[in-house]
Amino acid sequence: MSNINEAARLAAHSKSAADYEAPAGIEDTRSAAEIQRDIERVREEMTATVNELAAKLDPQVLKEDLASAMKEKVEAVKAKAQALAHDAAAGDKKAIGIIAGVAFGVAALIIRKALK
């Protein structure tokens, strides 16, 4: 992706299909050299777009994104559990009930697994 210039990459982000169409009713007065430059510019913009899409769909990038999202989720659950434990230690009846319910559920799963 480093061989694609930054201007092409930025242009690819800000343009739509309509930007590449000739205006209706206006004669194209560009020279062959100007048309060739426009074709090269559009080619660079398209290459930049394709390269960015390929980078976003790279399995390693997707794996890293998933791992990062999972870490964030685990940290959020951990913080919530710590807050719940703190509330229970402070005597909050709702927090105590939630912890007791979770403990009962875990115990039931363990007993069920042991009886199979």
PDB file of N, CA and C in Angstrom:
ATOM      1  N   MET A   1       0.829  -1.189   0.000  1.00  0.00           N
ATOM      2  CA  MET A   1       0.000   0.000   0.000  1.00  0.00           C
ATOM      3  C   MET A   1       0.869   1.247   0.000  1.00  0.00           C
ATOM      4  N   SER A   2       2.126   1.114   0.320  1.00  0.00           N
ATOM      5  CA  SER A   2       3.003   2.264   0.398  1.00  0.00           C
ATOM      6  C   SER A   2       3.291   2.871  -0.970  1.00  0.00           C
ATOM      7  N   ASN A   3       3.109   2.103  -2.055  1.00  0.00           N
ATOM      8  CA  ASN A   3       3.377   2.656  -3.375  1.00  0.00           C
ATOM      9  C   ASN A   3       2.224   3.517  -3.899  1.00  0.00           C
ATOM     10  N   ILE A   4       1.142   3.580  -3.188  1.00  0.00           N
ATOM     11  CA  ILE A   4       0.007   4.420  -3.572  1.00  0.00           C
ATOM     12  C   ILE A   4       0.145   5.746  -2.834  1.00  0.00           C
ATOM     13  N   ASN A   5       0.050   6.845  -3.585  1.00  0.00           N
ATOM     14  CA  ASN A   5       0.268   8.122  -2.916  1.00  0.00           C
ATOM     15  C   ASN A   5      -0.904   8.505  -2.014  1.00  0.00           C
ATOM     16  N   GLU A   6      -0.594   9.318  -1.047  1.00  0.00           N
ATOM     17  CA  GLU A   6      -1.569   9.721  -0.028  1.00  0.00           C
ATOM     18  C   GLU A   6      -2.746  10.481  -0.634  1.00  0.00           C
ATOM     19  N   ALA A   7      -2.485  11.311  -1.645  1.00  0.00           N
ATOM     20  CA  ALA A   7      -3.570  12.080  -2.273  1.00  0.00           C
ATOM     21  C   ALA A   7      -4.602  11.146  -2.900  1.00  0.00           C
ATOM     22  N   ALA A   8      -4.134  10.070  -3.525  1.00  0.00           N
ATOM     23  CA  ALA A   8      -5.064   9.114  -4.137  1.00  0.00           C
ATOM     24  C   ALA A   8      -5.890   8.423  -3.066  1.00  0.00           C
ATOM     25  N   ARG A   9      -5.253   8.067  -1.954  1.00  0.00           N
ATOM     26  CA  ARG A   9      -5.961   7.397  -0.871  1.00  0.00           C
ATOM     27  C   ARG A   9      -7.040   8.310  -0.293  1.00  0.00           C
ATOM     28  N   LEU A  10      -6.702   9.569  -0.072  1.00  0.00           N
ATOM     29  CA  LEU A  10      -7.680  10.516   0.471  1.00  0.00           C
ATOM     30  C   LEU A  10      -8.800  10.788  -0.534  1.00  0.00           C
ATOM     31  N   ALA A  11      -8.451  10.906  -1.805  1.00  0.00           N
ATOM     32  CA  ALA A  11      -9.470  11.152  -2.831  1.00  0.00           C
ATOM     33  C   ALA A  11     -10.440   9.985  -2.915  1.00  0.00           C
ATOM     34  N   ALA A  12      -9.931   8.778  -2.766  1.00  0.00           N
ATOM     35  CA  ALA A  12     -10.793   7.595  -2.838  1.00  0.00           C
ATOM     36  C   ALA A  12     -11.834   7.601  -1.728  1.00  0.00           C
ATOM     37  N   HIS A  13     -11.505   8.205  -0.596  1.00  0.00           N
ATOM     38  CA  HIS A  13     -12.448   8.269   0.526  1.00  0.00           C
ATOM     39  C   HIS A  13     -13.556   9.289   0.300  1.00  0.00           C
ATOM     40  N   SER A  14     -13.263  10.340  -0.452  1.00  0.00           N
ATOM     41  CA  SER A  14     -14.221  11.443  -0.537  1.00  0.00           C
ATOM     42  C   SER A  14     -15.040  11.465  -1.825  1.00  0.00           C
ATOM     43  N   LYS A  15     -14.794  10.546  -2.728  1.00  0.00           N
ATOM     44  CA  LYS A  15     -15.488  10.590  -4.013  1.00  0.00           C
ATOM     45  C   LYS A  15     -16.568   9.532  -4.108  1.00  0.00           C
ATOM     46  N   SER A  16     -17.536   9.825  -4.982  1.00  0.00           N
ATOM     47  CA  SER A  16     -18.589   8.853  -5.281  1.00  0.00           C
ATOM     48  C   SER A  16     -18.570   8.590  -6.786  1.00  0.00           C
ATOM     49  N   ALA A  17     -19.381   7.660  -7.236  1.00  0.00           N
ATOM     50  CA  ALA A  17     -19.410   7.309  -8.659  1.00  0.00           C
ATOM     51  C   ALA A  17     -19.737   8.526  -9.525  1.00  0.00           C
ATOM     52  N   ALA A  18     -20.588   9.408  -9.040  1.00  0.00           N
ATOM     53  CA  ALA A  18     -20.984  10.583  -9.820  1.00  0.00           C
ATOM     54  C   ALA A  18     -19.797  11.501 -10.106  1.00  0.00           C
ATOM     55  N   ASP A  19     -18.770  11.458  -9.262  1.00  0.00           N
ATOM     56  CA  ASP A  19     -17.603  12.315  -9.480  1.00  0.00           C
ATOM     57  C   ASP A  19     -16.813  11.917 -10.724  1.00  0.00           C
ATOM     58  N   TYR A  20     -17.027  10.720 -11.218  1.00  0.00           N
ATOM     59  CA  TYR A  20     -16.275  10.239 -12.367  1.00  0.00           C
ATOM     60  C   TYR A  20     -17.060  10.350 -13.673  1.00  0.00           C
ATOM     61  N   GLU A  21     -18.277  10.815 -13.608  1.00  0.00           N
ATOM     62  CA  GLU A  21     -19.113  10.927 -14.802  1.00  0.00           C
ATOM     63  C   GLU A  21     -18.971  12.316 -15.414  1.00  0.00           C
ATOM     64  N   ALA A  22     -19.007  12.378 -16.751  1.00  0.00           N
ATOM     65  CA  ALA A  22     -18.970  13.669 -17.430  1.00  0.00           C
ATOM     66  C   ALA A  22     -20.321  14.345 -17.259  1.00  0.00           C
ATOM     67  N   PRO A  23     -20.334  15.658 -17.025  1.00  0.00           N
ATOM     68  CA  PRO A  23     -21.611  16.367 -16.889  1.00  0.00           C
ATOM     69  C   PRO A  23     -22.422  16.271 -18.184  1.00  0.00           C
ATOM     70  N   ALA A  24     -23.723  16.122 -18.053  1.00  0.00           N
ATOM     71  CA  ALA A  24     -24.607  15.998 -19.217  1.00  0.00           C
ATOM     72  C   ALA A  24     -24.611  17.298 -20.011  1.00  0.00           C
ATOM     73  N   GLY A  25     -24.500  17.166 -21.316  1.00  0.00           N
ATOM     74  CA  GLY A  25     -24.600  18.329 -22.195  1.00  0.00           C
ATOM     75  C   GLY A  25     -23.332  19.148 -22.316  1.00  0.00           C
ATOM     76  N   ILE A  26     -22.252  18.747 -21.676  1.00  0.00           N
ATOM     77  CA  ILE A  26     -21.001  19.507 -21.763  1.00  0.00           C
ATOM     78  C   ILE A  26     -20.004  18.697 -22.584  1.00  0.00           C
ATOM     79  N   GLU A  27     -19.433  19.346 -23.575  1.00  0.00           N
ATOM     80  CA  GLU A  27     -18.476  18.672 -24.449  1.00  0.00           C
ATOM     81  C   GLU A  27     -17.151  18.490 -23.717  1.00  0.00           C
ATOM     82  N   ASP A  28     -16.556  17.331 -23.885  1.00  0.00           N
ATOM     83  CA  ASP A  28     -15.267  17.036 -23.257  1.00  0.00           C
ATOM     84  C   ASP A  28     -14.159  17.618 -24.130  1.00  0.00           C
ATOM     85  N   THR A  29     -13.461  18.613 -23.616  1.00  0.00           N
ATOM     86  CA  THR A  29     -12.417  19.287 -24.392  1.00  0.00           C
ATOM     87  C   THR A  29     -11.016  18.919 -23.912  1.00  0.00           C
ATOM     88  N   ARG A  30     -10.908  17.861 -23.141  1.00  0.00           N
ATOM     89  CA  ARG A  30      -9.586  17.470 -22.639  1.00  0.00           C
ATOM     90  C   ARG A  30      -8.743  16.888 -23.770  1.00  0.00           C
ATOM     91  N   SER A  31      -7.447  17.102 -23.643  1.00  0.00           N
ATOM     92  CA  SER A  31      -6.522  16.510 -24.614  1.00  0.00           C
ATOM     93  C   SER A  31      -6.294  15.049 -24.248  1.00  0.00           C
ATOM     94  N   ALA A  32      -5.658  14.322 -25.162  1.00  0.00           N
ATOM     95  CA  ALA A  32      -5.360  12.908 -24.897  1.00  0.00           C
ATOM     96  C   ALA A  32      -4.480  12.775 -23.656  1.00  0.00           C
ATOM     97  N   ALA A  33      -3.539  13.680 -23.485  1.00  0.00           N
ATOM     98  CA  ALA A  33      -2.649  13.634 -22.313  1.00  0.00           C
ATOM     99  C   ALA A  33      -3.440  13.879 -21.028  1.00  0.00           C
ATOM    100  N   GLU A  34      -4.397  14.806 -21.071  1.00  0.00           N
ATOM    101  CA  GLU A  34      -5.221  15.075 -19.886  1.00  0.00           C
ATOM    102  C   GLU A  34      -6.094  13.874 -19.545  1.00  0.00           C
ATOM    103  N   ILE A  35      -6.640  13.247 -20.566  1.00  0.00           N
ATOM    104  CA  ILE A  35      -7.464  12.050 -20.343  1.00  0.00           C
ATOM    105  C   ILE A  35      -6.607  10.946 -19.736  1.00  0.00           C
ATOM    106  N   GLN A  36      -5.389  10.779 -20.266  1.00  0.00           N
ATOM    107  CA  GLN A  36      -4.483   9.755 -19.737  1.00  0.00           C
ATOM    108  C   GLN A  36      -4.150  10.039 -18.271  1.00  0.00           C
ATOM    109  N   ARG A  37      -3.904  11.308 -17.921  1.00  0.00           N
ATOM    110  CA  ARG A  37      -3.630  11.673 -16.518  1.00  0.00           C
ATOM    111  C   ARG A  37      -4.840  11.366 -15.638  1.00  0.00           C
ATOM    112  N   ASP A  38      -6.035  11.677 -16.149  1.00  0.00           N
ATOM    113  CA  ASP A  38      -7.254  11.375 -15.385  1.00  0.00           C
ATOM    114  C   ASP A  38      -7.409   9.872 -15.171  1.00  0.00           C
ATOM    115  N   ILE A  39      -7.117   9.104 -16.211  1.00  0.00           N
ATOM    116  CA  ILE A  39      -7.209   7.641 -16.088  1.00  0.00           C
ATOM    117  C   ILE A  39      -6.222   7.144 -15.040  1.00  0.00           C
ATOM    118  N   GLU A  40      -5.004   7.651 -15.059  1.00  0.00           N
ATOM    119  CA  GLU A  40      -3.996   7.238 -14.074  1.00  0.00           C
ATOM    120  C   GLU A  40      -4.418   7.631 -12.656  1.00  0.00           C
ATOM    121  N   ARG A  41      -4.991   8.826 -12.521  1.00  0.00           N
ATOM    122  CA  ARG A  41      -5.438   9.288 -11.204  1.00  0.00           C
ATOM    123  C   ARG A  41      -6.542   8.376 -10.676  1.00  0.00           C
ATOM    124  N   VAL A  42      -7.509   8.076 -11.536  1.00  0.00           N
ATOM    125  CA  VAL A  42      -8.613   7.202 -11.129  1.00  0.00           C
ATOM    126  C   VAL A  42      -8.088   5.808 -10.797  1.00  0.00           C
ATOM    127  N   ARG A  43      -7.129   5.338 -11.576  1.00  0.00           N
ATOM    128  CA  ARG A  43      -6.538   4.015 -11.315  1.00  0.00           C
ATOM    129  C   ARG A  43      -5.863   4.004  -9.932  1.00  0.00           C
ATOM    130  N   GLU A  44      -5.132   5.065  -9.609  1.00  0.00           N
ATOM    131  CA  GLU A  44      -4.489   5.150  -8.291  1.00  0.00           C
ATOM    132  C   GLU A  44      -5.529   5.177  -7.172  1.00  0.00           C
ATOM    133  N   GLU A  45      -6.606   5.935  -7.387  1.00  0.00           N
ATOM    134  CA  GLU A  45      -7.663   6.003  -6.375  1.00  0.00           C
ATOM    135  C   GLU A  45      -8.322   4.640  -6.186  1.00  0.00           C
ATOM    136  N   MET A  46      -8.565   3.947  -7.294  1.00  0.00           N
ATOM    137  CA  MET A  46      -9.186   2.620  -7.197  1.00  0.00           C
ATOM    138  C   MET A  46      -8.241   1.630  -6.519  1.00  0.00           C
ATOM    139  N   THR A  47      -6.955   1.718  -6.836  1.00  0.00           N
ATOM    140  CA  THR A  47      -5.972   0.840  -6.201  1.00  0.00           C
ATOM    141  C   THR A  47      -5.931   1.094  -4.705  1.00  0.00           C
ATOM    142  N   ALA A  48      -5.964   2.359  -4.314  1.00  0.00           N
ATOM    143  CA  ALA A  48      -5.961   2.692  -2.888  1.00  0.00           C
ATOM    144  C   ALA A  48      -7.195   2.119  -2.199  1.00  0.00           C
ATOM    145  N   THR A  49      -8.344   2.231  -2.845  1.00  0.00           N
ATOM    146  CA  THR A  49      -9.585   1.703  -2.269  1.00  0.00           C
ATOM    147  C   THR A  49      -9.522   0.186  -2.127  1.00  0.00           C
ATOM    148  N   VAL A  50      -9.067  -0.492  -3.176  1.00  0.00           N
ATOM    149  CA  VAL A  50      -8.967  -1.957  -3.133  1.00  0.00           C
ATOM    150  C   VAL A  50      -7.975  -2.388  -2.055  1.00  0.00           C
ATOM    151  N   ASN A  51      -6.849  -1.696  -1.950  1.00  0.00           N
ATOM    152  CA  ASN A  51      -5.857  -2.041  -0.927  1.00  0.00           C
ATOM    153  C   ASN A  51      -6.416  -1.865   0.478  1.00  0.00           C
ATOM    154  N   GLU A  52      -7.175  -0.814   0.695  1.00  0.00           N
ATOM    155  CA  GLU A  52      -7.771  -0.602   2.016  1.00  0.00           C
ATOM    156  C   GLU A  52      -8.802  -1.678   2.331  1.00  0.00           C
ATOM    157  N   LEU A  53      -9.604  -2.040   1.344  1.00  0.00           N
ATOM    158  CA  LEU A  53     -10.581  -3.119   1.559  1.00  0.00           C
ATOM    159  C   LEU A  53      -9.872  -4.435   1.861  1.00  0.00           C
ATOM    160  N   ALA A  54      -8.806  -4.720   1.130  1.00  0.00           N
ATOM    161  CA  ALA A  54      -8.052  -5.956   1.365  1.00  0.00           C
ATOM    162  C   ALA A  54      -7.457  -5.957   2.766  1.00  0.00           C
ATOM    163  N   ALA A  55      -6.960  -4.809   3.209  1.00  0.00           N
ATOM    164  CA  ALA A  55      -6.378  -4.724   4.551  1.00  0.00           C
ATOM    165  C   ALA A  55      -7.441  -4.945   5.620  1.00  0.00           C
ATOM    166  N   LYS A  56      -8.633  -4.402   5.405  1.00  0.00           N
ATOM    167  CA  LYS A  56      -9.710  -4.570   6.386  1.00  0.00           C
ATOM    168  C   LYS A  56     -10.195  -6.014   6.455  1.00  0.00           C
ATOM    169  N   LEU A  57     -10.090  -6.738   5.348  1.00  0.00           N
ATOM    170  CA  LEU A  57     -10.575  -8.113   5.297  1.00  0.00           C
ATOM    171  C   LEU A  57      -9.470  -9.136   5.548  1.00  0.00           C
ATOM    172  N   ASP A  58      -8.270  -8.668   5.847  1.00  0.00           N
ATOM    173  CA  ASP A  58      -7.150  -9.565   6.145  1.00  0.00           C
ATOM    174  C   ASP A  58      -7.497 -10.385   7.386  1.00  0.00           C
ATOM    175  N   PRO A  59      -7.402 -11.711   7.309  1.00  0.00           N
ATOM    176  CA  PRO A  59      -7.767 -12.550   8.458  1.00  0.00           C
ATOM    177  C   PRO A  59      -7.021 -12.177   9.741  1.00  0.00           C
ATOM    178  N   GLN A  60      -5.757 -11.795   9.616  1.00  0.00           N
ATOM    179  CA  GLN A  60      -4.988 -11.416  10.812  1.00  0.00           C
ATOM    180  C   GLN A  60      -5.572 -10.152  11.443  1.00  0.00           C
ATOM    181  N   VAL A  61      -5.951  -9.184  10.612  1.00  0.00           N
ATOM    182  CA  VAL A  61      -6.552  -7.945  11.121  1.00  0.00           C
ATOM    183  C   VAL A  61      -7.895  -8.251  11.776  1.00  0.00           C
ATOM    184  N   LEU A  62      -8.697  -9.089  11.126  1.00  0.00           N
ATOM    185  CA  LEU A  62      -9.994  -9.460  11.703  1.00  0.00           C
ATOM    186  C   LEU A  62      -9.804 -10.171  13.035  1.00  0.00           C
ATOM    187  N   LYS A  63      -8.806 -11.047  13.108  1.00  0.00           N
ATOM    188  CA  LYS A  63      -8.524 -11.777  14.340  1.00  0.00           C
ATOM    189  C   LYS A  63      -8.105 -10.808  15.450  1.00  0.00           C
ATOM    190  N   GLU A  64      -7.245  -9.845  15.107  1.00  0.00           N
ATOM    191  CA  GLU A  64      -6.798  -8.858  16.095  1.00  0.00           C
ATOM    192  C   GLU A  64      -7.963  -7.987  16.559  1.00  0.00           C
ATOM    193  N   ASP A  65      -8.830  -7.592  15.630  1.00  0.00           N
ATOM    194  CA  ASP A  65      -9.998  -6.790  15.996  1.00  0.00           C
ATOM    195  C   ASP A  65     -10.919  -7.563  16.938  1.00  0.00           C
ATOM    196  N   LEU A  66     -11.133  -8.844  16.639  1.00  0.00           N
ATOM    197  CA  LEU A  66     -11.975  -9.680  17.490  1.00  0.00           C
ATOM    198  C   LEU A  66     -11.353  -9.845  18.870  1.00  0.00           C
ATOM    199  N   ALA A  67     -10.046 -10.082  18.910  1.00  0.00           N
ATOM    200  CA  ALA A  67      -9.356 -10.241  20.195  1.00  0.00           C
ATOM    201  C   ALA A  67      -9.467  -8.965  21.020  1.00  0.00           C
ATOM    202  N   SER A  68      -9.316  -7.831  20.376  1.00  0.00           N
ATOM    203  CA  SER A  68      -9.420  -6.547  21.073  1.00  0.00           C
ATOM    204  C   SER A  68     -10.835  -6.337  21.616  1.00  0.00           C
ATOM    205  N   ALA A  69     -11.830  -6.655  20.807  1.00  0.00           N
ATOM    206  CA  ALA A  69     -13.222  -6.508  21.251  1.00  0.00           C
ATOM    207  C   ALA A  69     -13.521  -7.442  22.418  1.00  0.00           C
ATOM    208  N   MET A  70     -12.994  -8.660  22.355  1.00  0.00           N
ATOM    209  CA  MET A  70     -13.217  -9.621  23.442  1.00  0.00           C
ATOM    210  C   MET A  70     -12.550  -9.146  24.734  1.00  0.00           C
ATOM    211  N   LYS A  71     -11.335  -8.603  24.621  1.00  0.00           N
ATOM    212  CA  LYS A  71     -10.645  -8.086  25.810  1.00  0.00           C
ATOM    213  C   LYS A  71     -11.453  -6.961  26.450  1.00  0.00           C
ATOM    214  N   GLU A  72     -11.986  -6.072  25.623  1.00  0.00           N
ATOM    215  CA  GLU A  72     -12.801  -4.972  26.141  1.00  0.00           C
ATOM    216  C   GLU A  72     -14.039  -5.509  26.851  1.00  0.00           C
ATOM    217  N   LYS A  73     -14.673  -6.516  26.262  1.00  0.00           N
ATOM    218  CA  LYS A  73     -15.877  -7.108  26.851  1.00  0.00           C
ATOM    219  C   LYS A  73     -15.540  -7.770  28.184  1.00  0.00           C
ATOM    220  N   VAL A  74     -14.430  -8.516  28.227  1.00  0.00           N
ATOM    221  CA  VAL A  74     -14.013  -9.178  29.469  1.00  0.00           C
ATOM    222  C   VAL A  74     -13.734  -8.139  30.553  1.00  0.00           C
ATOM    223  N   GLU A  75     -13.056  -7.059  30.191  1.00  0.00           N
ATOM    224  CA  GLU A  75     -12.759  -6.002  31.168  1.00  0.00           C
ATOM    225  C   GLU A  75     -14.049  -5.370  31.692  1.00  0.00           C
ATOM    226  N   ALA A  76     -15.028  -5.168  30.809  1.00  0.00           N
ATOM    227  CA  ALA A  76     -16.301  -4.580  31.235  1.00  0.00           C
ATOM    228  C   ALA A  76     -17.033  -5.514  32.195  1.00  0.00           C
ATOM    229  N   VAL A  77     -17.054  -6.810  31.876  1.00  0.00           N
ATOM    230  CA  VAL A  77     -17.718  -7.789  32.753  1.00  0.00           C
ATOM    231  C   VAL A  77     -16.982  -7.873  34.084  1.00  0.00           C
ATOM    232  N   LYS A  78     -15.664  -7.847  34.019  1.00  0.00           N
ATOM    233  CA  LYS A  78     -14.845  -7.907  35.240  1.00  0.00           C
ATOM    234  C   LYS A  78     -15.141  -6.703  36.144  1.00  0.00           C
ATOM    235  N   ALA A  79     -15.201  -5.520  35.549  1.00  0.00           N
ATOM    236  CA  ALA A  79     -15.486  -4.310  36.327  1.00  0.00           C
ATOM    237  C   ALA A  79     -16.881  -4.379  36.943  1.00  0.00           C
ATOM    238  N   LYS A  80     -17.834  -4.899  36.177  1.00  0.00           N
ATOM    239  CA  LYS A  80     -19.203  -5.025  36.682  1.00  0.00           C
ATOM    240  C   LYS A  80     -19.260  -6.019  37.842  1.00  0.00           C
ATOM    241  N   ALA A  81     -18.528  -7.139  37.705  1.00  0.00           N
ATOM    242  CA  ALA A  81     -18.501  -8.147  38.772  1.00  0.00           C
ATOM    243  C   ALA A  81     -17.844  -7.590  40.026  1.00  0.00           C
ATOM    244  N   GLN A  82     -16.777  -6.825  39.854  1.00  0.00           N
ATOM    245  CA  GLN A  82     -16.102  -6.224  41.007  1.00  0.00           C
ATOM    246  C   GLN A  82     -17.022  -5.226  41.711  1.00  0.00           C
ATOM    247  N   ALA A  83     -17.753  -4.443  40.931  1.00  0.00           N
ATOM    248  CA  ALA A  83     -18.684  -3.485  41.526  1.00  0.00           C
ATOM    249  C   ALA A  83     -19.794  -4.217  42.273  1.00  0.00           C
ATOM    250  N   LEU A  84     -20.272  -5.312  41.696  1.00  0.00           N
ATOM    251  CA  LEU A  84     -21.314  -6.113  42.340  1.00  0.00           C
ATOM    252  C   LEU A  84     -20.797  -6.705  43.649  1.00  0.00           C
ATOM    253  N   ALA A  85     -19.569  -7.231  43.629  1.00  0.00           N
ATOM    254  CA  ALA A  85     -18.971  -7.800  44.845  1.00  0.00           C
ATOM    255  C   ALA A  85     -18.792  -6.724  45.910  1.00  0.00           C
ATOM    256  N   HIS A  86     -18.377  -5.552  45.488  1.00  0.00           N
ATOM    257  CA  HIS A  86     -18.210  -4.442  46.437  1.00  0.00           C
ATOM    258  C   HIS A  86     -19.551  -4.065  47.059  1.00  0.00           C
ATOM    259  N   ASP A  87     -20.584  -3.988  46.217  1.00  0.00           N
ATOM    260  CA  ASP A  87     -21.922  -3.655  46.717  1.00  0.00           C
ATOM    261  C   ASP A  87     -22.422  -4.724  47.683  1.00  0.00           C
ATOM    262  N   ALA A  88     -22.164  -5.994  47.364  1.00  0.00           N
ATOM    263  CA  ALA A  88     -22.595  -7.086  48.250  1.00  0.00           C
ATOM    264  C   ALA A  88     -21.861  -7.010  49.579  1.00  0.00           C
ATOM    265  N   ALA A  89     -20.573  -6.711  49.528  1.00  0.00           N
ATOM    266  CA  ALA A  89     -19.785  -6.592  50.762  1.00  0.00           C
ATOM    267  C   ALA A  89     -20.275  -5.427  51.614  1.00  0.00           C
ATOM    268  N   ALA A  90     -20.836  -4.419  50.957  1.00  0.00           N
ATOM    269  CA  ALA A  90     -21.362  -3.260  51.681  1.00  0.00           C
ATOM    270  C   ALA A  90     -22.771  -3.518  52.203  1.00  0.00           C
ATOM    271  N   GLY A  91     -23.333  -4.711  51.909  1.00  0.00           N
ATOM    272  CA  GLY A  91     -24.643  -5.064  52.449  1.00  0.00           C
ATOM    273  C   GLY A  91     -25.813  -4.834  51.518  1.00  0.00           C
ATOM    274  N   ASP A  92     -25.567  -4.531  50.264  1.00  0.00           N
ATOM    275  CA  ASP A  92     -26.642  -4.312  49.295  1.00  0.00           C
ATOM    276  C   ASP A  92     -27.377  -5.637  49.061  1.00  0.00           C
ATOM    277  N   LYS A  93     -28.652  -5.681  49.446  1.00  0.00           N
ATOM    278  CA  LYS A  93     -29.425  -6.926  49.369  1.00  0.00           C
ATOM    279  C   LYS A  93     -29.608  -7.406  47.925  1.00  0.00           C
ATOM    280  N   LYS A  94     -29.786  -6.488  47.009  1.00  0.00           N
ATOM    281  CA  LYS A  94     -29.945  -6.874  45.606  1.00  0.00           C
ATOM    282  C   LYS A  94     -28.662  -7.541  45.092  1.00  0.00           C
ATOM    283  N   ALA A  95     -27.517  -6.950  45.406  1.00  0.00           N
ATOM    284  CA  ALA A  95     -26.234  -7.520  44.982  1.00  0.00           C
ATOM    285  C   ALA A  95     -26.016  -8.886  45.617  1.00  0.00           C
ATOM    286  N   ILE A  96     -26.374  -9.017  46.889  1.00  0.00           N
ATOM    287  CA  ILE A  96     -26.238 -10.306  47.578  1.00  0.00           C
ATOM    288  C   ILE A  96     -27.129 -11.348  46.902  1.00  0.00           C
ATOM    289  N   GLY A  97     -28.344 -10.965  46.550  1.00  0.00           N
ATOM    290  CA  GLY A  97     -29.267 -11.876  45.872  1.00  0.00           C
ATOM    291  C   GLY A  97     -28.743 -12.319  44.518  1.00  0.00           C
ATOM    292  N   ILE A  98     -28.164 -11.389  43.777  1.00  0.00           N
ATOM    293  CA  ILE A  98     -27.611 -11.730  42.462  1.00  0.00           C
ATOM    294  C   ILE A  98     -26.462 -12.723  42.617  1.00  0.00           C
ATOM    295  N   ILE A  99     -25.566 -12.450  43.548  1.00  0.00           N
ATOM    296  CA  ILE A  99     -24.425 -13.352  43.765  1.00  0.00           C
ATOM    297  C   ILE A  99     -24.912 -14.720  44.227  1.00  0.00           C
ATOM    298  N   ALA A 100     -25.892 -14.740  45.118  1.00  0.00           N
ATOM    299  CA  ALA A 100     -26.438 -16.017  45.593  1.00  0.00           C
ATOM    300  C   ALA A 100     -27.079 -16.783  44.432  1.00  0.00           C
ATOM    301  N   GLY A 101     -27.795 -16.088  43.566  1.00  0.00           N
ATOM    302  CA  GLY A 101     -28.418 -16.731  42.409  1.00  0.00           C
ATOM    303  C   GLY A 101     -27.389 -17.319  41.459  1.00  0.00           C
ATOM    304  N   VAL A 102     -26.323 -16.573  41.222  1.00  0.00           N
ATOM    305  CA  VAL A 102     -25.255 -17.074  40.353  1.00  0.00           C
ATOM    306  C   VAL A 102     -24.592 -18.290  40.990  1.00  0.00           C
ATOM    307  N   ALA A 103     -24.310 -18.205  42.291  1.00  0.00           N
ATOM    308  CA  ALA A 103     -23.682 -19.333  42.993  1.00  0.00           C
ATOM    309  C   ALA A 103     -24.585 -20.567  42.934  1.00  0.00           C
ATOM    310  N   PHE A 104     -25.880 -20.370  43.127  1.00  0.00           N
ATOM    311  CA  PHE A 104     -26.828 -21.484  43.059  1.00  0.00           C
ATOM    312  C   PHE A 104     -26.829 -22.098  41.658  1.00  0.00           C
ATOM    313  N   GLY A 105     -26.834 -21.246  40.644  1.00  0.00           N
ATOM    314  CA  GLY A 105     -26.825 -21.728  39.262  1.00  0.00           C
ATOM    315  C   GLY A 105     -25.570 -22.528  38.941  1.00  0.00           C
ATOM    316  N   VAL A 106     -24.425 -22.039  39.379  1.00  0.00           N
ATOM    317  CA  VAL A 106     -23.169 -22.756  39.149  1.00  0.00           C
ATOM    318  C   VAL A 106     -23.187 -24.091  39.878  1.00  0.00           C
ATOM    319  N   ALA A 107     -23.649 -24.085  41.126  1.00  0.00           N
ATOM    320  CA  ALA A 107     -23.728 -25.331  41.902  1.00  0.00           C
ATOM    321  C   ALA A 107     -24.659 -26.331  41.214  1.00  0.00           C
ATOM    322  N   ALA A 108     -25.779 -25.861  40.702  1.00  0.00           N
ATOM    323  CA  ALA A 108     -26.723 -26.746  40.015  1.00  0.00           C
ATOM    324  C   ALA A 108     -26.086 -27.360  38.771  1.00  0.00           C
ATOM    325  N   LEU A 109     -25.330 -26.576  38.031  1.00  0.00           N
ATOM    326  CA  LEU A 109     -24.654 -27.098  36.842  1.00  0.00           C
ATOM    327  C   LEU A 109     -23.606 -28.144  37.216  1.00  0.00           C
ATOM    328  N   ILE A 110     -22.875 -27.896  38.288  1.00  0.00           N
ATOM    329  CA  ILE A 110     -21.850 -28.850  38.734  1.00  0.00           C
ATOM    330  C   ILE A 110     -22.500 -30.157  39.174  1.00  0.00           C
ATOM    331  N   ILE A 111     -23.569 -30.063  39.949  1.00  0.00           N
ATOM    332  CA  ILE A 111     -24.266 -31.268  40.419  1.00  0.00           C
ATOM    333  C   ILE A 111     -24.848 -32.031  39.234  1.00  0.00           C
ATOM    334  N   ARG A 112     -25.446 -31.318  38.308  1.00  0.00           N
ATOM    335  CA  ARG A 112     -26.036 -31.964  37.124  1.00  0.00           C
ATOM    336  C   ARG A 112     -24.966 -32.700  36.325  1.00  0.00           C
ATOM    337  N   LYS A 113     -23.824 -32.067  36.155  1.00  0.00           N
ATOM    338  CA  LYS A 113     -22.723 -32.679  35.409  1.00  0.00           C
ATOM    339  C   LYS A 113     -22.200 -33.911  36.145  1.00  0.00           C
ATOM    340  N   ALA A 114     -22.134 -33.838  37.479  1.00  0.00           N
ATOM    341  CA  ALA A 114     -21.622 -34.955  38.283  1.00  0.00           C
ATOM    342  C   ALA A 114     -22.572 -36.147  38.241  1.00  0.00           C
ATOM    343  N   LEU A 115     -23.871 -35.900  38.127  1.00  0.00           N
ATOM    344  CA  LEU A 115     -24.851 -36.983  38.133  1.00  0.00           C
ATOM    345  C   LEU A 115     -24.981 -37.676  36.782  1.00  0.00           C
ATOM    346  N   LYS A 116     -24.431 -37.126  35.755  1.00  0.00           N
ATOM    347  CA  LYS A 116     -24.540 -37.741  34.413  1.00  0.00           C
ATOM    348  C   LYS A 116     -23.566 -38.855  34.237  1.00  0.00           C
TER     349      LYS A 116
END
